[in-house]
């Protein structure tokens, strides 16, 4: 079953997108989290 899921993932995920599967949960959260400086810049509008 795991082998079948991996084969399916290989068919649906492009090679350039596989790097994200190697990240930890914390790294993914950090990647998509806005920094404080970006939030401050948006408050000026």
N, C-alpha and C. Protein backbone atom coordinates (compact mmCIF):
# COMPACT_ATOMS: atom_id res chain seq x y z
N UNK A 1 0.82 -1.19 0.00
CA UNK A 1 0.00 0.00 0.00
C UNK A 1 0.86 1.26 0.00
N UNK A 2 1.90 1.30 0.83
CA UNK A 2 2.79 2.46 0.87
C UNK A 2 3.50 2.63 -0.47
N UNK A 3 3.90 1.53 -1.05
CA UNK A 3 4.58 1.59 -2.36
C UNK A 3 3.65 2.18 -3.41
N UNK A 4 2.39 1.78 -3.39
CA UNK A 4 1.41 2.31 -4.35
C UNK A 4 1.21 3.81 -4.14
N UNK A 5 1.15 4.26 -2.90
CA UNK A 5 0.99 5.69 -2.62
C UNK A 5 2.22 6.47 -3.08
N UNK A 6 3.38 5.92 -2.87
CA UNK A 6 4.60 6.59 -3.31
C UNK A 6 4.64 6.70 -4.82
N UNK A 7 4.23 5.64 -5.52
CA UNK A 7 4.18 5.67 -6.98
C UNK A 7 3.18 6.72 -7.46
N UNK A 8 2.05 6.82 -6.79
CA UNK A 8 1.05 7.83 -7.14
C UNK A 8 1.62 9.23 -6.92
N UNK A 9 2.30 9.43 -5.81
CA UNK A 9 2.91 10.73 -5.53
C UNK A 9 3.96 11.07 -6.58
N UNK A 10 4.74 10.10 -6.99
CA UNK A 10 5.75 10.34 -8.02
C UNK A 10 5.11 10.77 -9.33
N UNK A 11 3.92 10.29 -9.60
CA UNK A 11 3.23 10.67 -10.83
C UNK A 11 2.61 12.06 -10.74
N UNK A 12 2.23 12.49 -9.55
CA UNK A 12 1.48 13.74 -9.42
C UNK A 12 2.32 14.92 -8.95
N UNK A 13 3.46 14.68 -8.35
CA UNK A 13 4.30 15.76 -7.84
C UNK A 13 5.49 15.92 -8.78
N UNK A 14 5.67 17.13 -9.28
CA UNK A 14 6.79 17.40 -10.17
C UNK A 14 8.10 17.35 -9.39
N UNK A 15 9.18 17.10 -10.08
CA UNK A 15 10.49 16.98 -9.44
C UNK A 15 10.86 18.24 -8.68
N UNK A 16 10.53 19.41 -9.20
CA UNK A 16 10.86 20.66 -8.54
C UNK A 16 10.05 20.91 -7.29
N UNK A 17 9.00 20.15 -7.07
CA UNK A 17 8.15 20.34 -5.91
C UNK A 17 8.46 19.36 -4.78
N UNK A 18 9.28 18.39 -5.02
CA UNK A 18 9.55 17.36 -4.02
C UNK A 18 10.34 17.88 -2.82
N UNK A 19 11.06 18.99 -2.97
CA UNK A 19 11.86 19.51 -1.87
C UNK A 19 11.00 19.82 -0.65
N UNK A 20 9.76 20.23 -0.87
CA UNK A 20 8.91 20.62 0.26
C UNK A 20 8.56 19.42 1.13
N UNK A 21 8.59 18.23 0.57
CA UNK A 21 8.28 17.04 1.35
C UNK A 21 9.38 16.70 2.34
N UNK A 22 10.56 17.28 2.14
CA UNK A 22 11.69 17.02 3.03
C UNK A 22 11.71 17.97 4.23
N UNK A 23 10.87 19.01 4.22
CA UNK A 23 10.87 19.99 5.30
C UNK A 23 10.09 19.48 6.51
N UNK A 24 10.53 19.91 7.67
CA UNK A 24 9.79 19.58 8.90
C UNK A 24 8.56 20.49 8.99
N UNK A 25 7.66 20.18 9.90
CA UNK A 25 6.47 21.01 10.10
C UNK A 25 6.87 22.43 10.48
N UNK A 26 7.85 22.56 11.35
CA UNK A 26 8.31 23.88 11.76
C UNK A 26 8.89 24.67 10.60
N UNK A 27 9.64 24.02 9.73
CA UNK A 27 10.22 24.69 8.57
C UNK A 27 9.13 25.16 7.60
N UNK A 28 8.11 24.35 7.42
CA UNK A 28 7.00 24.74 6.54
C UNK A 28 6.27 25.93 7.12
N UNK A 29 6.00 25.90 8.42
CA UNK A 29 5.34 27.04 9.06
C UNK A 29 6.17 28.31 8.91
N UNK A 30 7.46 28.19 9.12
CA UNK A 30 8.35 29.34 8.98
C UNK A 30 8.37 29.87 7.56
N UNK A 31 8.31 28.99 6.60
CA UNK A 31 8.33 29.37 5.19
C UNK A 31 7.13 30.22 4.82
N UNK A 32 5.96 29.88 5.36
CA UNK A 32 4.73 30.56 4.99
C UNK A 32 4.31 31.66 5.97
N UNK A 33 5.08 31.84 7.03
CA UNK A 33 4.76 32.84 8.04
C UNK A 33 5.28 34.21 7.59
N UNK A 34 4.46 35.24 7.76
CA UNK A 34 4.91 36.59 7.44
C UNK A 34 5.83 37.09 8.53
N UNK A 35 6.88 37.75 8.14
CA UNK A 35 7.79 38.31 9.14
C UNK A 35 7.18 39.57 9.74
N UNK A 36 7.68 39.97 10.89
CA UNK A 36 7.18 41.16 11.56
C UNK A 36 7.38 42.40 10.70
N UNK A 37 8.50 42.48 9.97
CA UNK A 37 8.76 43.67 9.15
C UNK A 37 7.76 43.78 8.00
N UNK A 38 7.34 42.68 7.45
CA UNK A 38 6.32 42.71 6.39
C UNK A 38 4.98 43.16 6.97
N UNK A 39 4.63 42.65 8.13
CA UNK A 39 3.39 43.07 8.78
C UNK A 39 3.42 44.56 9.09
N UNK A 40 4.54 45.09 9.54
CA UNK A 40 4.65 46.51 9.86
C UNK A 40 4.52 47.36 8.60
N UNK A 41 5.08 46.89 7.50
CA UNK A 41 4.99 47.63 6.23
C UNK A 41 3.54 47.72 5.77
N UNK A 42 2.77 46.69 5.97
CA UNK A 42 1.38 46.68 5.55
C UNK A 42 0.50 47.58 6.41
N UNK A 43 0.90 47.81 7.64
CA UNK A 43 0.12 48.66 8.55
C UNK A 43 0.16 50.13 8.14
N UNK A 44 1.17 50.51 7.34
CA UNK A 44 1.33 51.91 6.94
C UNK A 44 0.34 52.31 5.85
N UNK A 45 -0.27 51.36 5.17
CA UNK A 45 -1.18 51.67 4.06
C UNK A 45 -2.46 52.32 4.50
